[in-house]
Amino acid sequence: METVLFLCYKVIDLYSIIILISVLGSWVDGRNQSPFFRFINKLTDPYLRLFRIIIPAGNMNIDISPIIGITVLNLLKSIIGRLYYFSVV
């Protein structure tokens, strides 16, 4: 059980980093032409789209879905960390 929780914890860490790469890549012109960023977008867009639907950008020029997405992942990571701690103790 500890191994599964630890693996989930690390996968969430990795996905958070991928979201950050996507955000940094959004500042670069022509990112949609790069195969690397197209792949990153395919990984992150389905998850971030959930938050774009809930909180539409409207007239804002800033997409806050990555902030909300990473916050939700950190909350999930905190829950998994506590489960891991109590399963080991």
PDB file of N, CA and C in Angstrom:
ATOM      1  N   MET A   1       0.820  -1.196   0.000  1.00  0.00           N
ATOM      2  CA  MET A   1       0.000   0.000   0.000  1.00  0.00           C
ATOM      3  C   MET A   1       0.863   1.257   0.000  1.00  0.00           C
ATOM      4  N   GLU A   2       1.969   1.196   0.773  1.00  0.00           N
ATOM      5  CA  GLU A   2       2.847   2.363   0.838  1.00  0.00           C
ATOM      6  C   GLU A   2       3.450   2.674  -0.522  1.00  0.00           C
ATOM      7  N   THR A   3       3.777   1.624  -1.267  1.00  0.00           N
ATOM      8  CA  THR A   3       4.389   1.818  -2.580  1.00  0.00           C
ATOM      9  C   THR A   3       3.422   2.503  -3.541  1.00  0.00           C
ATOM     10  N   VAL A   4       2.170   2.108  -3.503  1.00  0.00           N
ATOM     11  CA  VAL A   4       1.163   2.713  -4.380  1.00  0.00           C
ATOM     12  C   VAL A   4       0.974   4.187  -4.032  1.00  0.00           C
ATOM     13  N   LEU A   5       0.895   4.492  -2.741  1.00  0.00           N
ATOM     14  CA  LEU A   5       0.732   5.886  -2.320  1.00  0.00           C
ATOM     15  C   LEU A   5       1.947   6.723  -2.705  1.00  0.00           C
ATOM     16  N   PHE A   6       3.143   6.157  -2.520  1.00  0.00           N
ATOM     17  CA  PHE A   6       4.367   6.872  -2.882  1.00  0.00           C
ATOM     18  C   PHE A   6       4.420   7.121  -4.387  1.00  0.00           C
ATOM     19  N   LEU A   7       4.033   6.128  -5.170  1.00  0.00           N
ATOM     20  CA  LEU A   7       4.020   6.272  -6.627  1.00  0.00           C
ATOM     21  C   LEU A   7       3.018   7.341  -7.059  1.00  0.00           C
ATOM     22  N   CYS A   8       1.838   7.352  -6.472  1.00  0.00           N
ATOM     23  CA  CYS A   8       0.839   8.391  -6.781  1.00  0.00           C
ATOM     24  C   CYS A   8       1.371   9.773  -6.435  1.00  0.00           C
ATOM     25  N   TYR A   9       2.049   9.876  -5.313  1.00  0.00           N
ATOM     26  CA  TYR A   9       2.637  11.145  -4.865  1.00  0.00           C
ATOM     27  C   TYR A   9       3.637  11.660  -5.897  1.00  0.00           C
ATOM     28  N   LYS A  10       4.480  10.773  -6.398  1.00  0.00           N
ATOM     29  CA  LYS A  10       5.502  11.172  -7.374  1.00  0.00           C
ATOM     30  C   LYS A  10       4.896  11.478  -8.745  1.00  0.00           C
ATOM     31  N   VAL A  11       3.855  10.766  -9.132  1.00  0.00           N
ATOM     32  CA  VAL A  11       3.181  11.045 -10.407  1.00  0.00           C
ATOM     33  C   VAL A  11       2.547  12.430 -10.368  1.00  0.00           C
ATOM     34  N   ILE A  12       1.978  12.800  -9.235  1.00  0.00           N
ATOM     35  CA  ILE A  12       1.398  14.140  -9.093  1.00  0.00           C
ATOM     36  C   ILE A  12       2.491  15.197  -9.188  1.00  0.00           C
ATOM     37  N   ASP A  13       3.647  14.933  -8.571  1.00  0.00           N
ATOM     38  CA  ASP A  13       4.790  15.855  -8.701  1.00  0.00           C
ATOM     39  C   ASP A  13       5.179  16.039 -10.163  1.00  0.00           C
ATOM     40  N   LEU A  14       5.296  14.933 -10.881  1.00  0.00           N
ATOM     41  CA  LEU A  14       5.688  14.982 -12.290  1.00  0.00           C
ATOM     42  C   LEU A  14       4.661  15.739 -13.122  1.00  0.00           C
ATOM     43  N   TYR A  15       3.382  15.495 -12.877  1.00  0.00           N
ATOM     44  CA  TYR A  15       2.336  16.172 -13.642  1.00  0.00           C
ATOM     45  C   TYR A  15       2.323  17.673 -13.356  1.00  0.00           C
ATOM     46  N   SER A  16       2.617  18.055 -12.119  1.00  0.00           N
ATOM     47  CA  SER A  16       2.713  19.482 -11.784  1.00  0.00           C
ATOM     48  C   SER A  16       3.842  20.143 -12.562  1.00  0.00           C
ATOM     49  N   ILE A  17       4.950  19.449 -12.691  1.00  0.00           N
ATOM     50  CA  ILE A  17       6.077  19.980 -13.465  1.00  0.00           C
ATOM     51  C   ILE A  17       5.698  20.106 -14.936  1.00  0.00           C
ATOM     52  N   ILE A  18       4.970  19.140 -15.456  1.00  0.00           N
ATOM     53  CA  ILE A  18       4.534  19.198 -16.857  1.00  0.00           C
ATOM     54  C   ILE A  18       3.598  20.384 -17.073  1.00  0.00           C
ATOM     55  N   ILE A  19       2.732  20.665 -16.113  1.00  0.00           N
ATOM     56  CA  ILE A  19       1.853  21.840 -16.218  1.00  0.00           C
ATOM     57  C   ILE A  19       2.688  23.113 -16.229  1.00  0.00           C
ATOM     58  N   LEU A  20       3.704  23.185 -15.383  1.00  0.00           N
ATOM     59  CA  LEU A  20       4.582  24.365 -15.367  1.00  0.00           C
ATOM     60  C   LEU A  20       5.316  24.535 -16.693  1.00  0.00           C
ATOM     61  N   ILE A  21       5.755  23.440 -17.291  1.00  0.00           N
ATOM     62  CA  ILE A  21       6.402  23.509 -18.606  1.00  0.00           C
ATOM     63  C   ILE A  21       5.417  24.037 -19.639  1.00  0.00           C
ATOM     64  N   SER A  22       4.174  23.597 -19.555  1.00  0.00           N
ATOM     65  CA  SER A  22       3.144  24.084 -20.470  1.00  0.00           C
ATOM     66  C   SER A  22       2.925  25.583 -20.313  1.00  0.00           C
ATOM     67  N   VAL A  23       2.899  26.054 -19.067  1.00  0.00           N
ATOM     68  CA  VAL A  23       2.718  27.489 -18.814  1.00  0.00           C
ATOM     69  C   VAL A  23       3.901  28.278 -19.368  1.00  0.00           C
ATOM     70  N   LEU A  24       5.105  27.810 -19.098  1.00  0.00           N
ATOM     71  CA  LEU A  24       6.291  28.504 -19.616  1.00  0.00           C
ATOM     72  C   LEU A  24       6.313  28.485 -21.142  1.00  0.00           C
ATOM     73  N   GLY A  25       5.874  27.378 -21.720  1.00  0.00           N
ATOM     74  CA  GLY A  25       5.830  27.280 -23.175  1.00  0.00           C
ATOM     75  C   GLY A  25       4.788  28.180 -23.801  1.00  0.00           C
ATOM     76  N   SER A  26       3.763  28.537 -23.044  1.00  0.00           N
ATOM     77  CA  SER A  26       2.723  29.411 -23.593  1.00  0.00           C
ATOM     78  C   SER A  26       3.233  30.829 -23.806  1.00  0.00           C
ATOM     79  N   TRP A  27       4.359  31.172 -23.213  1.00  0.00           N
ATOM     80  CA  TRP A  27       4.933  32.502 -23.386  1.00  0.00           C
ATOM     81  C   TRP A  27       5.782  32.595 -24.647  1.00  0.00           C
ATOM     82  N   VAL A  28       6.018  31.464 -25.304  1.00  0.00           N
ATOM     83  CA  VAL A  28       6.883  31.418 -26.480  1.00  0.00           C
ATOM     84  C   VAL A  28       6.024  31.426 -27.740  1.00  0.00           C
ATOM     85  N   ASP A  29       6.384  32.268 -28.694  1.00  0.00           N
ATOM     86  CA  ASP A  29       5.682  32.262 -29.980  1.00  0.00           C
ATOM     87  C   ASP A  29       5.987  30.973 -30.725  1.00  0.00           C
ATOM     88  N   GLY A  30       5.000  30.451 -31.390  1.00  0.00           N
ATOM     89  CA  GLY A  30       5.186  29.267 -32.212  1.00  0.00           C
ATOM     90  C   GLY A  30       5.247  27.974 -31.429  1.00  0.00           C
ATOM     91  N   ARG A  31       4.766  27.978 -30.211  1.00  0.00           N
ATOM     92  CA  ARG A  31       4.848  26.751 -29.414  1.00  0.00           C
ATOM     93  C   ARG A  31       3.964  25.647 -29.981  1.00  0.00           C
ATOM     94  N   ASN A  32       2.898  26.031 -30.687  1.00  0.00           N
ATOM     95  CA  ASN A  32       2.009  25.022 -31.265  1.00  0.00           C
ATOM     96  C   ASN A  32       2.643  24.300 -32.441  1.00  0.00           C
ATOM     97  N   GLN A  33       3.735  24.841 -32.964  1.00  0.00           N
ATOM     98  CA  GLN A  33       4.414  24.192 -34.078  1.00  0.00           C
ATOM     99  C   GLN A  33       5.473  23.211 -33.597  1.00  0.00           C
ATOM    100  N   SER A  34       5.853  23.300 -32.347  1.00  0.00           N
ATOM    101  CA  SER A  34       6.864  22.410 -31.793  1.00  0.00           C
ATOM    102  C   SER A  34       6.223  21.081 -31.384  1.00  0.00           C
ATOM    103  N   PRO A  35       6.785  19.965 -31.836  1.00  0.00           N
ATOM    104  CA  PRO A  35       6.221  18.666 -31.438  1.00  0.00           C
ATOM    105  C   PRO A  35       6.265  18.448 -29.923  1.00  0.00           C
ATOM    106  N   PHE A  36       7.301  18.976 -29.281  1.00  0.00           N
ATOM    107  CA  PHE A  36       7.422  18.829 -27.832  1.00  0.00           C
ATOM    108  C   PHE A  36       6.262  19.504 -27.113  1.00  0.00           C
ATOM    109  N   PHE A  37       5.965  20.758 -27.472  1.00  0.00           N
ATOM    110  CA  PHE A  37       4.891  21.477 -26.795  1.00  0.00           C
ATOM    111  C   PHE A  37       3.514  20.962 -27.204  1.00  0.00           C
ATOM    112  N   ARG A  38       3.382  20.434 -28.403  1.00  0.00           N
ATOM    113  CA  ARG A  38       2.106  19.803 -28.776  1.00  0.00           C
ATOM    114  C   ARG A  38       1.851  18.587 -27.886  1.00  0.00           C
ATOM    115  N   PHE A  39       2.921  17.831 -27.627  1.00  0.00           N
ATOM    116  CA  PHE A  39       2.806  16.666 -26.744  1.00  0.00           C
ATOM    117  C   PHE A  39       2.466  17.099 -25.318  1.00  0.00           C
ATOM    118  N   ILE A  40       3.135  18.128 -24.823  1.00  0.00           N
ATOM    119  CA  ILE A  40       2.869  18.646 -23.478  1.00  0.00           C
ATOM    120  C   ILE A  40       1.415  19.124 -23.379  1.00  0.00           C
ATOM    121  N   ASN A  41       0.947  19.821 -24.409  1.00  0.00           N
ATOM    122  CA  ASN A  41      -0.443  20.304 -24.405  1.00  0.00           C
ATOM    123  C   ASN A  41      -1.442  19.149 -24.424  1.00  0.00           C
ATOM    124  N   LYS A  42      -1.116  18.077 -25.143  1.00  0.00           N
ATOM    125  CA  LYS A  42      -2.003  16.913 -25.151  1.00  0.00           C
ATOM    126  C   LYS A  42      -2.092  16.273 -23.773  1.00  0.00           C
ATOM    127  N   LEU A  43      -1.017  16.384 -23.004  1.00  0.00           N
ATOM    128  CA  LEU A  43      -1.026  15.830 -21.650  1.00  0.00           C
ATOM    129  C   LEU A  43      -1.782  16.713 -20.662  1.00  0.00           C
ATOM    130  N   THR A  44      -1.660  18.022 -20.809  1.00  0.00           N
ATOM    131  CA  THR A  44      -2.204  18.932 -19.796  1.00  0.00           C
ATOM    132  C   THR A  44      -3.585  19.496 -20.128  1.00  0.00           C
ATOM    133  N   ASP A  45      -3.898  19.662 -21.391  1.00  0.00           N
ATOM    134  CA  ASP A  45      -5.155  20.324 -21.759  1.00  0.00           C
ATOM    135  C   ASP A  45      -6.421  19.622 -21.256  1.00  0.00           C
ATOM    136  N   PRO A  46      -6.519  18.296 -21.303  1.00  0.00           N
ATOM    137  CA  PRO A  46      -7.759  17.685 -20.783  1.00  0.00           C
ATOM    138  C   PRO A  46      -7.999  17.993 -19.303  1.00  0.00           C
ATOM    139  N   TYR A  47      -6.944  17.980 -18.508  1.00  0.00           N
ATOM    140  CA  TYR A  47      -7.085  18.282 -17.077  1.00  0.00           C
ATOM    141  C   TYR A  47      -7.396  19.755 -16.857  1.00  0.00           C
ATOM    142  N   LEU A  48      -6.674  20.636 -17.531  1.00  0.00           N
ATOM    143  CA  LEU A  48      -6.877  22.072 -17.335  1.00  0.00           C
ATOM    144  C   LEU A  48      -8.203  22.545 -17.923  1.00  0.00           C
ATOM    145  N   ARG A  49      -8.708  21.839 -18.923  1.00  0.00           N
ATOM    146  CA  ARG A  49      -9.996  22.200 -19.522  1.00  0.00           C
ATOM    147  C   ARG A  49     -11.128  22.099 -18.499  1.00  0.00           C
ATOM    148  N   LEU A  50     -10.995  21.186 -17.544  1.00  0.00           N
ATOM    149  CA  LEU A  50     -12.004  21.078 -16.480  1.00  0.00           C
ATOM    150  C   LEU A  50     -12.157  22.398 -15.742  1.00  0.00           C
ATOM    151  N   PHE A  51     -11.051  23.067 -15.475  1.00  0.00           N
ATOM    152  CA  PHE A  51     -11.088  24.325 -14.733  1.00  0.00           C
ATOM    153  C   PHE A  51     -11.438  25.499 -15.635  1.00  0.00           C
ATOM    154  N   ARG A  52     -11.131  25.393 -16.910  1.00  0.00           N
ATOM    155  CA  ARG A  52     -11.524  26.452 -17.852  1.00  0.00           C
ATOM    156  C   ARG A  52     -13.037  26.470 -18.034  1.00  0.00           C
ATOM    157  N   ILE A  53     -13.670  25.315 -17.942  1.00  0.00           N
ATOM    158  CA  ILE A  53     -15.128  25.244 -18.050  1.00  0.00           C
ATOM    159  C   ILE A  53     -15.772  25.815 -16.790  1.00  0.00           C
ATOM    160  N   ILE A  54     -15.221  25.465 -15.633  1.00  0.00           N
ATOM    161  CA  ILE A  54     -15.786  25.930 -14.362  1.00  0.00           C
ATOM    162  C   ILE A  54     -15.602  27.429 -14.200  1.00  0.00           C
ATOM    163  N   ILE A  55     -14.409  27.924 -14.515  1.00  0.00           N
ATOM    164  CA  ILE A  55     -14.096  29.349 -14.366  1.00  0.00           C
ATOM    165  C   ILE A  55     -13.684  29.880 -15.737  1.00  0.00           C
ATOM    166  N   PRO A  56     -14.641  30.347 -16.539  1.00  0.00           N
ATOM    167  CA  PRO A  56     -14.290  30.860 -17.868  1.00  0.00           C
ATOM    168  C   PRO A  56     -13.455  32.135 -17.764  1.00  0.00           C
ATOM    169  N   ALA A  57     -12.572  32.321 -18.733  1.00  0.00           N
ATOM    170  CA  ALA A  57     -11.669  33.476 -18.716  1.00  0.00           C
ATOM    171  C   ALA A  57     -12.424  34.779 -18.914  1.00  0.00           C
ATOM    172  N   GLY A  58     -13.479  34.754 -19.696  1.00  0.00           N
ATOM    173  CA  GLY A  58     -14.257  35.975 -19.937  1.00  0.00           C
ATOM    174  C   GLY A  58     -13.402  37.054 -20.563  1.00  0.00           C
ATOM    175  N   ASN A  59     -13.356  38.217 -19.942  1.00  0.00           N
ATOM    176  CA  ASN A  59     -12.570  39.329 -20.472  1.00  0.00           C
ATOM    177  C   ASN A  59     -11.147  39.361 -19.933  1.00  0.00           C
ATOM    178  N   MET A  60     -10.788  38.394 -19.092  1.00  0.00           N
ATOM    179  CA  MET A  60      -9.431  38.368 -18.554  1.00  0.00           C
ATOM    180  C   MET A  60      -8.450  37.938 -19.636  1.00  0.00           C
ATOM    181  N   ASN A  61      -7.267  38.486 -19.581  1.00  0.00           N
ATOM    182  CA  ASN A  61      -6.219  38.091 -20.518  1.00  0.00           C
ATOM    183  C   ASN A  61      -5.322  37.014 -19.935  1.00  0.00           C
ATOM    184  N   ILE A  62      -5.640  36.572 -18.740  1.00  0.00           N
ATOM    185  CA  ILE A  62      -4.820  35.570 -18.062  1.00  0.00           C
ATOM    186  C   ILE A  62      -5.652  34.313 -17.843  1.00  0.00           C
ATOM    187  N   ASP A  63      -5.065  33.182 -18.184  1.00  0.00           N
ATOM    188  CA  ASP A  63      -5.702  31.894 -17.944  1.00  0.00           C
ATOM    189  C   ASP A  63      -5.245  31.407 -16.564  1.00  0.00           C
ATOM    190  N   ILE A  64      -6.175  31.331 -15.625  1.00  0.00           N
ATOM    191  CA  ILE A  64      -5.803  30.922 -14.271  1.00  0.00           C
ATOM    192  C   ILE A  64      -6.009  29.426 -14.032  1.00  0.00           C
ATOM    193  N   SER A  65      -6.378  28.687 -15.069  1.00  0.00           N
ATOM    194  CA  SER A  65      -6.610  27.257 -14.890  1.00  0.00           C
ATOM    195  C   SER A  65      -5.361  26.499 -14.426  1.00  0.00           C
ATOM    196  N   PRO A  66      -4.133  26.852 -14.871  1.00  0.00           N
ATOM    197  CA  PRO A  66      -2.970  26.141 -14.328  1.00  0.00           C
ATOM    198  C   PRO A  66      -2.782  26.368 -12.827  1.00  0.00           C
ATOM    199  N   ILE A  67      -3.091  27.562 -12.354  1.00  0.00           N
ATOM    200  CA  ILE A  67      -2.959  27.847 -10.923  1.00  0.00           C
ATOM    201  C   ILE A  67      -3.937  26.983 -10.134  1.00  0.00           C
ATOM    202  N   ILE A  68      -5.173  26.934 -10.603  1.00  0.00           N
ATOM    203  CA  ILE A  68      -6.188  26.131  -9.920  1.00  0.00           C
ATOM    204  C   ILE A  68      -5.846  24.648 -10.029  1.00  0.00           C
ATOM    205  N   GLY A  69      -5.394  24.233 -11.209  1.00  0.00           N
ATOM    206  CA  GLY A  69      -5.035  22.827 -11.411  1.00  0.00           C
ATOM    207  C   GLY A  69      -3.908  22.377 -10.504  1.00  0.00           C
ATOM    208  N   ILE A  70      -2.871  23.189 -10.380  1.00  0.00           N
ATOM    209  CA  ILE A  70      -1.749  22.831  -9.508  1.00  0.00           C
ATOM    210  C   ILE A  70      -2.178  22.874  -8.043  1.00  0.00           C
ATOM    211  N   THR A  71      -3.047  23.807  -7.690  1.00  0.00           N
ATOM    212  CA  THR A  71      -3.551  23.868  -6.315  1.00  0.00           C
ATOM    213  C   THR A  71      -4.328  22.603  -5.960  1.00  0.00           C
ATOM    214  N   VAL A  72      -5.162  22.141  -6.876  1.00  0.00           N
ATOM    215  CA  VAL A  72      -5.918  20.908  -6.644  1.00  0.00           C
ATOM    216  C   VAL A  72      -4.964  19.720  -6.531  1.00  0.00           C
ATOM    217  N   LEU A  73      -3.940  19.684  -7.380  1.00  0.00           N
ATOM    218  CA  LEU A  73      -2.959  18.600  -7.301  1.00  0.00           C
ATOM    219  C   LEU A  73      -2.211  18.630  -5.969  1.00  0.00           C
ATOM    220  N   ASN A  74      -1.869  19.818  -5.496  1.00  0.00           N
ATOM    221  CA  ASN A  74      -1.183  19.922  -4.203  1.00  0.00           C
ATOM    222  C   ASN A  74      -2.081  19.486  -3.053  1.00  0.00           C
ATOM    223  N   LEU A  75      -3.366  19.789  -3.145  1.00  0.00           N
ATOM    224  CA  LEU A  75      -4.313  19.324  -2.132  1.00  0.00           C
ATOM    225  C   LEU A  75      -4.384  17.797  -2.133  1.00  0.00           C
ATOM    226  N   LEU A  76      -4.456  17.225  -3.323  1.00  0.00           N
ATOM    227  CA  LEU A  76      -4.479  15.771  -3.452  1.00  0.00           C
ATOM    228  C   LEU A  76      -3.182  15.159  -2.925  1.00  0.00           C
ATOM    229  N   LYS A  77      -2.072  15.824  -3.214  1.00  0.00           N
ATOM    230  CA  LYS A  77      -0.770  15.361  -2.725  1.00  0.00           C
ATOM    231  C   LYS A  77      -0.714  15.389  -1.198  1.00  0.00           C
ATOM    232  N   SER A  78      -1.303  16.402  -0.607  1.00  0.00           N
ATOM    233  CA  SER A  78      -1.345  16.505   0.848  1.00  0.00           C
ATOM    234  C   SER A  78      -2.153  15.359   1.454  1.00  0.00           C
ATOM    235  N   ILE A  79      -3.270  15.045   0.833  1.00  0.00           N
ATOM    236  CA  ILE A  79      -4.100  13.932   1.311  1.00  0.00           C
ATOM    237  C   ILE A  79      -3.339  12.617   1.189  1.00  0.00           C
ATOM    238  N   ILE A  80      -2.682  12.411   0.054  1.00  0.00           N
ATOM    239  CA  ILE A  80      -1.912  11.182  -0.153  1.00  0.00           C
ATOM    240  C   ILE A  80      -0.753  11.110   0.832  1.00  0.00           C
ATOM    241  N   GLY A  81      -0.111  12.246   1.094  1.00  0.00           N
ATOM    242  CA  GLY A  81       0.987  12.272   2.058  1.00  0.00           C
ATOM    243  C   GLY A  81       0.531  11.864   3.451  1.00  0.00           C
ATOM    244  N   ARG A  82      -0.634  12.335   3.850  1.00  0.00           N
ATOM    245  CA  ARG A  82      -1.165  11.950   5.166  1.00  0.00           C
ATOM    246  C   ARG A  82      -1.543  10.466   5.196  1.00  0.00           C
ATOM    247  N   LEU A  83      -2.135   9.974   4.117  1.00  0.00           N
ATOM    248  CA  LEU A  83      -2.454   8.546   4.055  1.00  0.00           C
ATOM    249  C   LEU A  83      -1.184   7.709   4.125  1.00  0.00           C
ATOM    250  N   TYR A  84      -0.152   8.158   3.424  1.00  0.00           N
ATOM    251  CA  TYR A  84       1.132   7.451   3.433  1.00  0.00           C
ATOM    252  C   TYR A  84       1.716   7.445   4.841  1.00  0.00           C
ATOM    253  N   TYR A  85       1.673   8.595   5.509  1.00  0.00           N
ATOM    254  CA  TYR A  85       2.225   8.700   6.861  1.00  0.00           C
ATOM    255  C   TYR A  85       1.501   7.757   7.818  1.00  0.00           C
ATOM    256  N   PHE A  86       0.180   7.731   7.753  1.00  0.00           N
ATOM    257  CA  PHE A  86      -0.577   6.896   8.680  1.00  0.00           C
ATOM    258  C   PHE A  86      -0.532   5.417   8.305  1.00  0.00           C
ATOM    259  N   SER A  87      -0.213   5.100   7.060  1.00  0.00           N
ATOM    260  CA  SER A  87      -0.090   3.688   6.693  1.00  0.00           C
ATOM    261  C   SER A  87       1.268   3.132   7.114  1.00  0.00           C
ATOM    262  N   VAL A  88       2.269   4.003   7.231  1.00  0.00           N
ATOM    263  CA  VAL A  88       3.600   3.565   7.637  1.00  0.00           C
ATOM    264  C   VAL A  88       3.685   3.452   9.153  1.00  0.00           C
ATOM    265  N   VAL A  89       3.021   4.380   9.840  1.00  0.00           N
ATOM    266  CA  VAL A  89       3.111   4.417  11.316  1.00  0.00           C
ATOM    267  C   VAL A  89       2.356   3.284  11.930  1.00  0.00           C
TER     268      VAL A  89
END
